């Protein structure tokens, strides 16, 4: 009887999961130990494998090898896999978290899935139901698998929050939120609008606070990066999740009034941001379709920069005198040349600001207009609509102008109308993409403009570059050999020891020893002798030699003068000028 009673009171054997049974069969785990761990997992409502590896009964590595042998499934080391290259959006992240699985690849209508428990029939059924695809298991170590699942489960929103920070508050009034954005691709749906809006707003404010001139949003195959151009140098600022690229592009397009559905062609737009009670910053936006999404560059346009005055731009007294004498003349053409980002627009607007008086009619044609200036009639060129530079100029001449500013002379027609305007009693200001002042005349000649037209219309050409300005707090004297100074372009009599070159050091108040930028200018008035050279179709070298004789500094000489004054370093001047 006692034997019967004991049989009745004995705890019934638990129905162990397939994985536990496989471990018991392989001799890696005792029956009682397996039952105890399983009971504990049920009590704590945790995963059996988590309890198993956590208790130390079986290591994650042993478990993986045993499962591979027992089920005849291949084994993989997840440390050898780049998480960035794993396929996205094939399986819901919540499902991956629940069953601790990672999709490795897709082959026709079957998924290759990494798991620590190939016996989990429920997981297989759920995946099949969710994806309508078959499942092929690959065994992975549980600890490595868990880490990868958690990393993949970190949503783009959470990643964004970590960049933005909790204490950041977004002012909705500064953005145009009236337009509902599209959710273009799978995978971007998890990024809510709010984090994207906050992130963009934070980037714009950070860029303004760091005195950046441009923001670059760049998508790549597996990464996304944000860079700021500070003092002419690009610096990486943030690496947000790749999932936000389409949402961010849509957001920028919405507030820049671009076509959000068009992703195949470049677009241009502009937007505003309120940074204070009475301060609004303009931004010029440009999108470019790249291999892995749209690269977006945002140029910060500070209207106050045009009102700095000529002295603040870094013109020397004699250069300033030549420029002012030219822009005060009643007619003729003044050209500002230099590469993109060399400050040509700011120089032109500074001149326009001097001329902007109630009695003067000023019209500008730009693509697009960068700085808003009250009192100036600004026209945005629209090639699609037929409003080209040439068309705008033709209409300007019927509007009784005194001063005309053309954003850029790109073709013969624009150049021809500009020259005719300069010859018929108008002051014409424009920009041209050339290396220095003498080569500008050769460039115009190559465009097809007759030499006598150039000689009779152009009154002054200025070429410019922007060099980084040394920080006044930390700059230190530089020990530069005498030969190096001579090679750089200094004359023997200039290297007399009466001045000291300086080098960047770096402190808390600057960026690697530099703070702000200073202009390097070559201001060349067109004298009678230079006109004669142009008329006989002389080369740019002849023009340069004649300009030297007339006391015009080349870009290199202007830069070296700034070195003598301690404004910038020798390496900075060598880096932005040719000799």
Protein backbone atom coordinates (compact mmCIF):
# COMPACT_ATOMS: atom_id res chain seq x y z
CA UNK A 1 0.00 0.00 0.00
CA UNK A 2 2.82 2.31 0.94
CA UNK A 3 4.42 1.67 -2.44
CA UNK A 4 1.18 2.64 -4.19
CA UNK A 5 0.91 5.83 -2.10
CA UNK A 6 4.44 6.86 -2.96
CA UNK A 7 3.71 6.31 -6.63
CA UNK A 8 0.62 8.54 -6.39
CA UNK A 9 2.43 11.31 -4.50
CA UNK A 10 5.43 11.31 -6.83
CA UNK A 11 5.69 14.45 -8.95
CA UNK A 12 4.74 13.70 -12.52
CA UNK A 13 7.55 13.99 -15.09
CA UNK A 14 7.53 17.32 -16.91
CA UNK A 15 7.14 17.48 -20.69
CA UNK A 16 10.53 18.96 -21.47
CA UNK A 17 11.05 21.09 -24.59
CA UNK A 18 12.87 19.52 -27.56
CA UNK A 19 16.08 21.37 -26.78
CA UNK A 20 16.22 20.04 -23.19
CA UNK A 21 15.53 16.50 -24.39
CA UNK A 22 18.34 16.81 -26.95
CA UNK A 23 20.76 17.94 -24.22
CA UNK A 24 19.72 15.04 -21.95
CA UNK A 25 20.15 12.53 -24.82
CA UNK A 26 23.60 13.97 -25.61
CA UNK A 27 24.61 13.57 -21.95
CA UNK A 28 25.21 17.31 -21.51
CA UNK A 29 22.45 17.68 -18.92
CA UNK A 30 20.83 15.39 -16.34
CA UNK A 31 17.09 14.73 -16.44
CA UNK A 32 16.51 16.24 -12.97
CA UNK A 33 18.66 19.31 -13.73
CA UNK A 34 16.76 19.85 -16.98
CA UNK A 35 13.42 19.62 -15.16
CA UNK A 36 14.56 22.00 -12.41
CA UNK A 37 15.77 24.60 -14.92
CA UNK A 38 12.56 24.26 -16.94
CA UNK A 39 10.41 24.74 -13.79
CA UNK A 40 12.45 27.80 -12.86
CA UNK A 41 12.02 29.25 -16.37
CA UNK A 42 8.25 28.73 -16.13
CA UNK A 43 8.06 30.26 -12.66
CA UNK A 44 10.14 33.31 -13.66
CA UNK A 45 8.44 33.47 -17.07
CA UNK A 46 11.81 33.54 -18.78
CA UNK A 47 13.38 31.76 -21.71
CA UNK A 48 14.58 28.18 -21.00
CA UNK A 49 17.89 28.81 -22.80
CA UNK A 50 18.42 32.03 -20.83
CA UNK A 51 17.95 30.11 -17.55
CA UNK A 52 20.11 27.25 -18.81
CA UNK A 53 23.11 29.38 -19.83
CA UNK A 54 22.59 31.72 -16.88
CA UNK A 55 22.77 28.86 -14.36
CA UNK A 56 26.07 27.68 -15.86
CA UNK A 57 24.78 24.14 -16.41
CA UNK A 58 25.69 24.37 -20.11
CA UNK A 59 27.77 27.11 -21.77
CA UNK A 60 26.43 28.95 -24.82
CA UNK A 61 29.22 27.49 -26.96
CA UNK A 62 28.55 23.90 -25.75
CA UNK A 63 24.84 24.34 -26.34
CA UNK A 64 25.39 25.56 -29.91
CA UNK A 65 27.75 22.68 -30.80
CA UNK A 66 25.39 20.10 -29.24
CA UNK A 67 22.38 21.50 -31.13
CA UNK A 68 24.31 21.52 -34.38
CA UNK A 69 25.24 17.83 -33.97
CA UNK A 70 21.79 16.78 -32.71
CA UNK A 71 19.74 18.50 -35.42
CA UNK A 72 22.25 18.32 -38.26
CA UNK A 73 22.11 22.09 -38.74
CA UNK A 74 25.12 24.26 -39.69
CA UNK A 75 26.82 26.35 -37.01
CA UNK A 76 27.74 30.03 -37.44
CA UNK A 77 29.93 32.45 -35.47
CA UNK A 78 27.99 35.74 -35.33
CA UNK A 79 31.15 37.71 -34.50
CA UNK A 80 32.22 37.13 -38.10
CA UNK A 81 29.09 38.84 -39.45
CA UNK A 82 28.77 42.60 -40.06
CA UNK A 83 25.37 43.58 -38.54
CA UNK A 84 25.12 46.47 -41.01
CA UNK A 85 24.98 44.04 -43.91
CA UNK A 86 22.10 41.95 -42.57
CA UNK A 87 18.85 42.25 -44.55
CA UNK A 88 16.31 44.65 -43.07
CA UNK A 89 12.54 44.47 -42.86
CA UNK A 90 12.19 40.76 -43.72
CA UNK A 91 10.90 39.93 -40.25
CA UNK A 92 9.22 42.06 -37.62
CA UNK A 93 11.63 43.15 -34.85
CA UNK A 94 9.10 42.19 -32.16
CA UNK A 95 9.01 38.63 -33.50
CA UNK A 96 12.83 38.52 -33.56
CA UNK A 97 12.90 39.69 -29.93
CA UNK A 98 10.23 37.23 -28.78
CA UNK A 99 11.94 34.15 -30.24
CA UNK A 100 15.57 35.41 -30.21
CA UNK A 101 16.19 34.92 -33.93
CA UNK A 102 18.09 36.91 -36.56
CA UNK A 103 17.42 36.73 -40.32
CA UNK A 104 20.75 36.21 -42.08
CA UNK A 105 19.61 36.10 -45.71
CA UNK A 106 16.82 35.22 -48.11
CA UNK A 107 17.12 32.58 -50.80
CA UNK A 108 14.18 32.45 -53.28
CA UNK A 109 11.15 31.84 -50.99
CA UNK A 110 13.10 30.67 -47.92
CA UNK A 111 14.62 32.59 -45.03
CA UNK A 112 17.99 31.65 -43.52
CA UNK A 113 17.47 32.31 -39.80
CA UNK A 114 19.99 32.14 -36.94
CA UNK A 115 18.65 30.60 -33.72
CA UNK A 116 19.91 28.93 -30.55
CA UNK A 117 16.89 26.57 -30.44
CA UNK A 118 16.16 24.74 -33.73
CA UNK A 119 13.56 22.60 -31.94
CA UNK A 120 11.20 25.58 -31.46
CA UNK A 121 8.36 24.58 -33.79
CA UNK A 122 6.22 27.52 -32.62
CA UNK A 123 8.87 30.02 -33.73
CA UNK A 124 9.12 28.34 -37.13
CA UNK A 125 5.33 28.43 -37.60
CA UNK A 126 5.09 32.09 -36.55
CA UNK A 127 7.87 33.10 -38.98
CA UNK A 128 6.25 31.09 -41.81
CA UNK A 129 2.88 32.72 -41.13
CA UNK A 130 4.33 36.26 -40.91
CA UNK A 131 6.51 36.02 -44.02
CA UNK A 132 4.78 33.35 -46.12
CA UNK A 133 8.23 31.82 -46.58
CA UNK A 134 9.95 28.61 -45.47
CA UNK A 135 12.56 28.63 -42.68
CA UNK A 136 16.07 27.15 -42.72
CA UNK A 137 17.70 27.16 -39.26
CA UNK A 138 21.35 27.97 -38.63
CA UNK A 139 22.67 27.47 -35.09
CA UNK A 140 24.30 30.39 -33.28
CA UNK A 141 25.60 30.89 -29.73
CA UNK A 142 22.86 32.27 -27.50
CA UNK A 143 24.85 35.10 -25.91
CA UNK A 144 26.04 36.47 -29.26
CA UNK A 145 22.58 36.03 -30.74
CA UNK A 146 20.92 37.96 -27.90
CA UNK A 147 23.29 40.91 -28.34
CA UNK A 148 22.60 41.04 -32.08
CA UNK A 149 18.83 40.82 -31.58
CA UNK A 150 18.93 43.71 -29.07
CA UNK A 151 21.12 45.81 -31.37
CA UNK A 152 18.76 45.25 -34.30
CA UNK A 153 15.74 45.95 -32.13
CA UNK A 154 16.99 49.42 -31.18
CA UNK A 155 14.61 51.48 -33.23
CA UNK A 156 15.69 54.45 -35.26
CA UNK A 157 13.54 56.58 -32.96
CA UNK A 158 15.55 55.45 -29.90
CA UNK A 159 18.81 56.05 -31.75
CA UNK A 160 17.58 59.52 -32.67
CA UNK A 161 16.60 60.23 -29.07
CA UNK A 162 20.12 59.35 -27.95
CA UNK A 163 21.49 61.95 -30.41
CA UNK A 164 18.89 64.61 -29.66
CA UNK A 165 18.83 64.21 -25.88
CA UNK A 166 15.89 64.43 -23.52
CA UNK A 167 16.23 68.07 -22.67
CA UNK A 168 15.75 69.28 -26.21
CA UNK A 169 12.53 71.12 -26.91
CA UNK A 170 11.33 71.79 -30.40
CA UNK A 171 9.47 74.93 -31.32
CA UNK A 172 6.78 73.81 -33.76
CA UNK A 173 6.07 77.36 -34.83
CA UNK A 174 9.37 77.62 -36.66
CA UNK A 175 8.56 74.92 -39.17
CA UNK A 176 5.86 74.51 -41.76
CA UNK A 177 4.02 71.51 -40.43
CA UNK A 178 0.95 71.93 -42.61
CA UNK A 179 2.07 69.39 -45.15
CA UNK A 180 1.72 65.71 -44.36
CA UNK A 181 4.77 63.72 -45.30
CA UNK A 182 4.85 60.49 -47.24
CA UNK A 183 6.24 57.34 -45.85
CA UNK A 184 8.10 56.16 -48.88
CA UNK A 185 9.83 52.92 -48.08
CA UNK A 186 9.41 50.03 -45.68
CA UNK A 187 11.78 50.45 -42.80
CA UNK A 188 11.24 54.15 -42.41
CA UNK A 189 7.79 53.74 -40.87
CA UNK A 190 9.29 53.17 -37.44
CA UNK A 191 10.78 56.66 -37.47
CA UNK A 192 8.11 58.95 -36.16
CA UNK A 193 7.90 62.46 -37.55
CA UNK A 194 8.68 64.12 -34.23
CA UNK A 195 12.21 62.67 -33.76
CA UNK A 196 13.12 63.55 -37.37
CA UNK A 197 11.81 67.08 -36.96
CA UNK A 198 13.67 67.47 -33.66
CA UNK A 199 16.87 66.07 -35.16
CA UNK A 200 16.78 68.42 -38.14
CA UNK A 201 16.02 71.40 -35.92
CA UNK A 202 18.86 70.48 -33.58
CA UNK A 203 21.32 70.09 -36.48
CA UNK A 204 20.37 73.52 -37.88
CA UNK A 205 20.70 75.21 -34.49
CA UNK A 206 24.00 73.41 -33.76
CA UNK A 207 25.36 74.45 -37.15
CA UNK A 208 24.38 78.07 -36.54
CA UNK A 209 25.87 77.96 -33.03
CA UNK A 210 29.14 76.48 -34.36
CA UNK A 211 29.36 79.17 -37.08
CA UNK A 212 29.15 76.54 -39.84
CA UNK A 213 28.62 77.67 -43.43
CA UNK A 214 27.16 74.40 -44.76
CA UNK A 215 25.49 71.20 -43.52
CA UNK A 216 25.97 67.95 -45.46
CA UNK A 217 23.51 65.05 -45.02
CA UNK A 218 25.10 62.05 -46.75
CA UNK A 219 23.56 58.57 -47.15
CA UNK A 220 25.81 55.57 -47.86
CA UNK A 221 25.05 51.87 -48.21
CA UNK A 222 25.16 51.01 -44.50
CA UNK A 223 25.75 54.35 -42.80
CA UNK A 224 24.45 57.90 -42.72
CA UNK A 225 26.55 60.87 -41.70
CA UNK A 226 26.09 64.55 -41.05
CA UNK A 227 29.01 66.94 -41.62
CA UNK A 228 29.38 70.67 -40.99
CA UNK A 229 31.75 72.96 -42.86
CA UNK A 230 33.30 75.11 -40.15
CA UNK A 231 35.87 77.72 -41.19
CA UNK A 232 36.15 76.04 -44.59
CA UNK A 233 36.84 72.57 -43.14
CA UNK A 234 34.37 69.68 -43.13
CA UNK A 235 33.86 67.98 -39.75
CA UNK A 236 31.76 64.89 -39.01
CA UNK A 237 29.12 65.76 -36.41
CA UNK A 238 26.62 62.87 -36.18
CA UNK A 239 25.88 59.38 -37.52
CA UNK A 240 22.10 58.93 -37.25
CA UNK A 241 20.47 55.59 -38.18
CA UNK A 242 20.29 54.82 -41.90
CA UNK A 243 16.51 54.27 -41.53
CA UNK A 244 15.87 58.01 -41.25
CA UNK A 245 17.32 58.97 -44.63
CA UNK A 246 14.02 59.02 -46.55
CA UNK A 247 12.06 60.66 -43.74
CA UNK A 248 14.72 63.33 -43.26
CA UNK A 249 14.90 64.02 -47.00
CA UNK A 250 11.08 64.32 -47.13
CA UNK A 251 11.05 66.65 -44.14
CA UNK A 252 13.70 68.96 -45.63
CA UNK A 253 11.89 68.96 -48.99
CA UNK A 254 8.56 69.84 -47.36
CA UNK A 255 9.89 72.88 -45.51
CA UNK A 256 12.00 73.93 -48.54
CA UNK A 257 8.91 73.71 -50.79
CA UNK A 258 10.37 71.10 -53.12
CA UNK A 259 8.61 68.19 -54.80
CA UNK A 260 8.83 65.35 -52.24
CA UNK A 261 7.81 62.73 -54.82
CA UNK A 262 10.72 63.59 -57.15
CA UNK A 263 13.89 61.72 -56.24
CA UNK A 264 15.49 61.24 -59.63
CA UNK A 265 16.71 64.77 -60.32
CA UNK A 266 18.51 67.43 -58.27
CA UNK A 267 16.33 70.12 -56.69
CA UNK A 268 16.93 73.53 -55.11
CA UNK A 269 14.93 75.27 -52.46
CA UNK A 270 15.18 77.51 -49.42
CA UNK A 271 13.84 77.66 -45.88
CA UNK A 272 13.88 79.89 -42.80
CA UNK A 273 14.51 79.22 -39.13
CA UNK A 274 13.74 81.53 -36.25
CA UNK A 275 16.66 81.49 -33.81
CA UNK A 276 15.56 84.30 -31.55
CA UNK A 277 12.76 86.77 -30.95
CA UNK A 278 13.96 89.01 -33.79
CA UNK A 279 16.50 86.84 -35.66
CA UNK A 280 15.64 84.71 -38.69
CA UNK A 281 18.25 82.71 -40.60
CA UNK A 282 17.82 81.77 -44.26
CA UNK A 283 18.98 78.43 -45.61
CA UNK A 284 19.59 77.46 -49.23
CA UNK A 285 18.90 73.76 -49.82
CA UNK A 286 20.22 71.55 -52.61
CA UNK A 287 19.38 67.85 -53.10
CA UNK A 288 21.35 65.41 -55.24
CA UNK A 289 20.31 61.81 -56.04
CA UNK A 290 23.21 59.48 -55.16
CA UNK A 291 23.64 55.72 -55.26
CA UNK A 292 22.05 55.13 -51.84
CA UNK A 293 19.64 58.02 -51.43
CA UNK A 294 19.58 61.78 -51.69
CA UNK A 295 22.52 63.83 -50.49
CA UNK A 296 21.33 67.15 -49.11
CA UNK A 297 23.50 70.23 -48.64
CA UNK A 298 22.12 73.17 -46.68
CA UNK A 299 23.93 76.53 -47.00
CA UNK A 300 23.46 78.95 -44.09
CA UNK A 301 22.79 82.48 -45.34
CA UNK A 302 23.15 85.10 -42.67
CA UNK A 303 21.72 88.43 -43.96
CA UNK A 304 23.82 90.36 -41.46
CA UNK A 305 27.02 89.26 -43.29
CA UNK A 306 26.24 91.69 -46.15
CA UNK A 307 26.16 94.57 -43.68
CA UNK A 308 29.54 93.87 -42.15
CA UNK A 309 31.26 96.45 -44.36
CA UNK A 310 34.33 96.19 -46.54
CA UNK A 311 36.79 96.52 -43.64
CA UNK A 312 35.39 93.41 -41.93
CA UNK A 313 35.93 91.33 -45.11
CA UNK A 314 39.71 91.79 -44.93
CA UNK A 315 40.42 94.21 -47.80
CA UNK A 316 43.68 96.12 -47.45
CA UNK A 317 43.40 99.96 -47.59
CA UNK A 318 44.65 100.21 -51.21
CA UNK A 319 42.41 97.29 -52.33
CA UNK A 320 39.42 98.86 -50.61
CA UNK A 321 40.15 102.19 -52.33
CA UNK A 322 40.28 100.55 -55.79
CA UNK A 323 37.03 98.62 -55.22
CA UNK A 324 35.11 101.63 -53.89
CA UNK A 325 36.35 103.81 -56.77
CA UNK A 326 35.06 101.21 -59.27
CA UNK A 327 31.60 100.67 -57.71
CA UNK A 328 31.04 104.44 -57.35
CA UNK A 329 31.45 104.91 -61.12
CA UNK A 330 28.22 105.52 -63.09
CA UNK A 331 28.71 102.68 -65.61
CA UNK A 332 30.99 99.76 -66.42
CA UNK A 333 31.39 96.14 -65.31
CA UNK A 334 32.90 94.92 -62.03
CA UNK A 335 33.65 91.18 -61.87
CA UNK A 336 34.23 89.11 -58.72
CA UNK A 337 35.89 85.74 -59.36
CA UNK A 338 36.80 82.71 -57.29
CA UNK A 339 35.72 79.11 -56.59
CA UNK A 340 32.48 78.05 -54.89
CA UNK A 341 32.40 79.11 -51.25
CA UNK A 342 35.05 81.83 -51.56
CA UNK A 343 32.72 84.61 -50.42
CA UNK A 344 31.93 86.18 -53.82
CA UNK A 345 28.26 86.72 -52.96
CA UNK A 346 29.06 88.45 -49.65
CA UNK A 347 31.55 90.76 -51.44
CA UNK A 348 28.95 91.68 -54.09
CA UNK A 349 26.23 92.29 -51.54
CA UNK A 350 28.58 94.42 -49.46
CA UNK A 351 29.08 96.60 -52.56
CA UNK A 352 25.32 96.64 -53.23
CA UNK A 353 24.71 97.68 -49.62
CA UNK A 354 26.96 100.71 -50.18
CA UNK A 355 25.04 101.61 -53.35
CA UNK A 356 21.59 100.88 -51.88
CA UNK A 357 20.18 104.40 -51.50
CA UNK A 358 16.66 105.76 -52.13
CA UNK A 359 17.79 107.40 -55.38
CA UNK A 360 19.32 104.25 -56.90
CA UNK A 361 17.37 101.50 -58.70
CA UNK A 362 19.11 98.14 -58.16
CA UNK A 363 18.01 94.86 -59.79
CA UNK A 364 19.62 91.45 -59.24
CA UNK A 365 19.23 88.09 -61.02
CA UNK A 366 20.49 85.09 -59.08
CA UNK A 367 20.15 81.31 -59.02
CA UNK A 368 18.83 81.46 -56.30
CA UNK A 369 19.04 84.79 -54.44
CA UNK A 370 21.03 84.07 -51.30
CA UNK A 371 20.78 87.18 -49.14
CA UNK A 372 17.54 89.09 -48.78
CA UNK A 373 18.19 92.83 -48.99
CA UNK A 374 15.40 95.41 -48.59
CA UNK A 375 15.50 98.10 -51.28
CA UNK A 376 16.94 95.75 -53.91
CA UNK A 377 14.72 94.13 -56.58
CA UNK A 378 15.82 90.49 -56.45
CA UNK A 379 14.82 87.96 -59.12
CA UNK A 380 15.26 84.21 -58.84
CA UNK A 381 16.28 82.61 -62.12
CA UNK A 382 13.95 79.77 -63.15
CA UNK A 383 15.33 77.82 -66.12
CA UNK A 384 12.24 75.55 -66.38
CA UNK A 385 9.88 78.47 -66.67
CA UNK A 386 12.13 80.19 -69.22
CA UNK A 387 13.40 82.87 -66.81
CA UNK A 388 17.11 82.57 -67.60
CA UNK A 389 19.85 85.07 -66.71
CA UNK A 390 19.63 86.44 -70.25
CA UNK A 391 15.82 86.81 -70.07
CA UNK A 392 16.03 88.52 -66.66
CA UNK A 393 18.71 90.93 -67.94
CA UNK A 394 16.63 91.86 -70.99
CA UNK A 395 13.65 92.71 -68.76
CA UNK A 396 15.93 94.66 -66.34
CA UNK A 397 16.98 96.99 -69.15
CA UNK A 398 13.32 97.91 -69.66
CA UNK A 399 12.93 98.62 -65.91
CA UNK A 400 15.15 101.77 -65.85
CA UNK A 401 17.92 100.32 -63.63
CA UNK A 402 21.00 102.11 -62.33
CA UNK A 403 22.81 99.03 -60.97
CA UNK A 404 22.42 95.46 -62.24
CA UNK A 405 23.80 92.45 -60.42
CA UNK A 406 24.02 89.14 -62.30
CA UNK A 407 24.58 86.09 -60.08
CA UNK A 408 26.90 84.38 -62.54
CA UNK A 409 27.95 84.82 -66.16
CA UNK A 410 27.65 81.28 -67.54
CA UNK A 411 27.15 81.68 -71.27
CA UNK A 412 27.79 84.01 -74.19
CA UNK A 413 24.25 85.42 -74.30
CA UNK A 414 24.33 86.49 -70.62
CA UNK A 415 27.85 87.91 -71.05
CA UNK A 416 26.80 89.77 -74.22
CA UNK A 417 23.76 91.44 -72.64
CA UNK A 418 25.77 92.29 -69.47
CA UNK A 419 28.49 93.98 -71.54
CA UNK A 420 25.94 95.91 -73.60
CA UNK A 421 24.30 97.07 -70.35
CA UNK A 422 27.71 98.19 -69.02
CA UNK A 423 28.33 100.09 -72.27
CA UNK A 424 24.98 101.88 -72.20
CA UNK A 425 25.18 103.66 -68.88
CA UNK A 426 24.59 100.92 -66.25
CA UNK A 427 26.86 99.63 -63.52
CA UNK A 428 26.94 95.83 -63.83
CA UNK A 429 28.24 93.60 -61.02
CA UNK A 430 28.72 89.89 -61.63
CA UNK A 431 30.69 86.75 -60.71
CA UNK A 432 32.72 84.38 -62.81
CA UNK A 433 34.36 81.05 -61.93
CA UNK A 434 38.07 81.57 -62.67
CA UNK A 435 41.29 81.11 -60.69
CA UNK A 436 42.54 84.69 -60.61
CA UNK A 437 41.91 88.16 -62.07
CA UNK A 438 44.12 88.02 -65.24
CA UNK A 439 42.71 84.63 -66.38
CA UNK A 440 39.17 86.10 -66.17
CA UNK A 441 39.80 88.15 -69.30
CA UNK A 442 41.07 85.08 -71.17
CA UNK A 443 37.98 83.16 -70.00
CA UNK A 444 35.68 85.86 -71.37
CA UNK A 445 37.59 85.82 -74.63
CA UNK A 446 37.11 82.02 -74.82
CA UNK A 447 33.37 82.46 -74.27
CA UNK A 448 33.28 84.33 -77.57
CA UNK A 449 33.25 87.95 -76.39
CA UNK A 450 35.14 90.32 -78.70
CA UNK A 451 38.29 91.92 -77.16
CA UNK A 452 37.08 95.50 -77.85
CA UNK A 453 33.87 94.75 -75.89
CA UNK A 454 35.86 93.46 -72.90
CA UNK A 455 38.26 96.43 -72.98
CA UNK A 456 35.48 99.02 -73.19
CA UNK A 457 33.20 97.57 -70.48
CA UNK A 458 35.23 95.85 -67.70
CA UNK A 459 36.58 98.40 -65.20
CA UNK A 460 37.74 96.15 -62.36
CA UNK A 461 38.24 92.46 -61.59
CA UNK A 462 38.70 91.12 -58.09
CA UNK A 463 39.72 87.50 -57.34
CA UNK A 464 39.32 86.11 -53.84
CA UNK A 465 39.92 83.18 -51.53
CA UNK A 466 39.03 82.55 -47.92
CA UNK A 467 41.80 81.47 -45.55
CA UNK A 468 41.24 80.39 -41.95
CA UNK A 469 42.06 83.09 -39.42
CA UNK A 470 44.45 82.21 -36.56
CA UNK A 471 42.91 82.21 -33.10
CA UNK A 472 44.19 85.30 -31.25
CA UNK A 473 44.14 83.48 -27.90
CA UNK A 474 46.39 80.55 -28.69
CA UNK A 475 48.47 81.33 -31.81
CA UNK A 476 52.19 80.85 -31.24
CA UNK A 477 55.33 82.02 -33.11
CA UNK A 478 56.41 79.53 -35.79
CA UNK A 479 60.01 78.61 -36.48
CA UNK A 480 60.04 78.57 -40.30
CA UNK A 481 63.41 78.23 -42.12
CA UNK A 482 64.58 81.18 -44.21
CA UNK A 483 64.64 79.07 -47.41
CA UNK A 484 61.01 77.98 -46.91
CA UNK A 485 59.86 81.59 -46.64
CA UNK A 486 61.70 82.48 -49.86
CA UNK A 487 60.23 79.44 -51.64
CA UNK A 488 56.74 80.47 -50.51
CA UNK A 489 57.15 83.77 -52.37
CA UNK A 490 58.63 86.23 -49.87
CA UNK A 491 61.33 88.57 -51.24
CA UNK A 492 64.76 88.63 -49.64
CA UNK A 493 64.27 92.17 -48.29
CA UNK A 494 60.92 91.16 -46.72
CA UNK A 495 62.50 88.38 -44.63
CA UNK A 496 64.42 90.81 -42.43
CA UNK A 497 63.33 89.60 -38.99
CA UNK A 498 61.04 92.59 -38.35
CA UNK A 499 57.97 90.35 -38.24
CA UNK A 500 57.12 86.88 -36.89
CA UNK A 501 55.12 84.16 -38.63
CA UNK A 502 52.58 82.39 -36.41
CA UNK A 503 51.25 78.83 -36.27
CA UNK A 504 47.96 77.32 -35.00
CA UNK A 505 47.95 75.71 -31.54
CA UNK A 506 44.33 75.01 -30.55
CA UNK A 507 42.34 75.93 -27.44
CA UNK A 508 38.80 75.76 -26.06
CA UNK A 509 37.78 78.89 -27.96
CA UNK A 510 38.72 77.75 -31.49
CA UNK A 511 38.83 74.85 -33.98
CA UNK A 512 42.36 73.39 -34.22
CA UNK A 513 43.94 76.82 -33.77
CA UNK A 514 41.71 78.72 -36.19
CA UNK A 515 38.64 80.84 -35.58
CA UNK A 516 36.78 82.52 -38.42
CA UNK A 517 38.12 83.31 -41.87
CA UNK A 518 39.88 86.16 -43.59
CA UNK A 519 39.66 87.13 -47.26
CA UNK A 520 42.66 87.11 -49.59
CA UNK A 521 42.09 89.47 -52.52
CA UNK A 522 43.59 90.39 -55.85
CA UNK A 523 41.96 93.68 -56.90
CA UNK A 524 42.93 94.54 -60.48
CA UNK A 525 41.63 97.77 -62.08
CA UNK A 526 41.65 97.69 -65.89
CA UNK A 527 44.15 100.40 -66.75
CA UNK A 528 44.78 101.81 -70.24
CA UNK A 529 47.85 99.61 -70.64
CA UNK A 530 45.87 96.44 -69.71
CA UNK A 531 43.16 97.58 -72.20
CA UNK A 532 45.83 97.72 -74.93
CA UNK A 533 46.96 94.16 -74.07
CA UNK A 534 43.31 92.97 -74.26
CA UNK A 535 42.78 94.73 -77.61
CA UNK A 536 45.81 93.05 -79.16
CA UNK A 537 44.50 89.71 -77.73
CA UNK A 538 47.38 89.32 -75.28
CA UNK A 539 47.71 86.37 -72.90
CA UNK A 540 46.78 86.28 -69.21
CA UNK A 541 50.52 86.14 -68.38
CA UNK A 542 51.09 89.51 -70.08
CA UNK A 543 48.11 90.96 -68.19
CA UNK A 544 49.45 89.54 -64.89
CA UNK A 545 52.91 91.06 -65.51
CA UNK A 546 51.41 94.46 -66.31
CA UNK A 547 49.19 94.29 -63.19
CA UNK A 548 52.32 93.53 -61.10
CA UNK A 549 54.03 96.62 -62.54
CA UNK A 550 50.97 98.67 -61.57
CA UNK A 551 51.21 97.50 -57.95
CA UNK A 552 48.47 94.83 -57.96
CA UNK A 553 49.26 92.01 -55.56
CA UNK A 554 48.69 88.44 -56.76
CA UNK A 555 46.61 86.14 -54.57
CA UNK A 556 49.77 84.53 -53.19
CA UNK A 557 51.32 87.93 -52.37
CA UNK A 558 48.08 89.06 -50.67
CA UNK A 559 48.12 85.85 -48.63
CA UNK A 560 51.76 86.34 -47.64
CA UNK A 561 50.91 89.89 -46.56
CA UNK A 562 48.26 88.40 -44.22
CA UNK A 563 50.97 86.04 -42.86
CA UNK A 564 53.23 89.04 -42.14
CA UNK A 565 50.36 90.70 -40.27
CA UNK A 566 49.88 87.54 -38.15
CA UNK A 567 46.30 86.96 -39.36
CA UNK A 568 46.82 83.50 -40.81
CA UNK A 569 49.49 80.79 -41.07
CA UNK A 570 51.86 80.15 -43.96
CA UNK A 571 50.52 76.60 -44.56
CA UNK A 572 46.97 78.01 -44.85
CA UNK A 573 48.04 80.48 -47.53
CA UNK A 574 50.01 77.81 -49.42
CA UNK A 575 46.95 75.56 -49.25
CA UNK A 576 44.53 78.03 -50.87
CA UNK A 577 46.73 79.83 -53.43
CA UNK A 578 48.87 78.80 -56.40
CA UNK A 579 52.13 80.36 -57.42
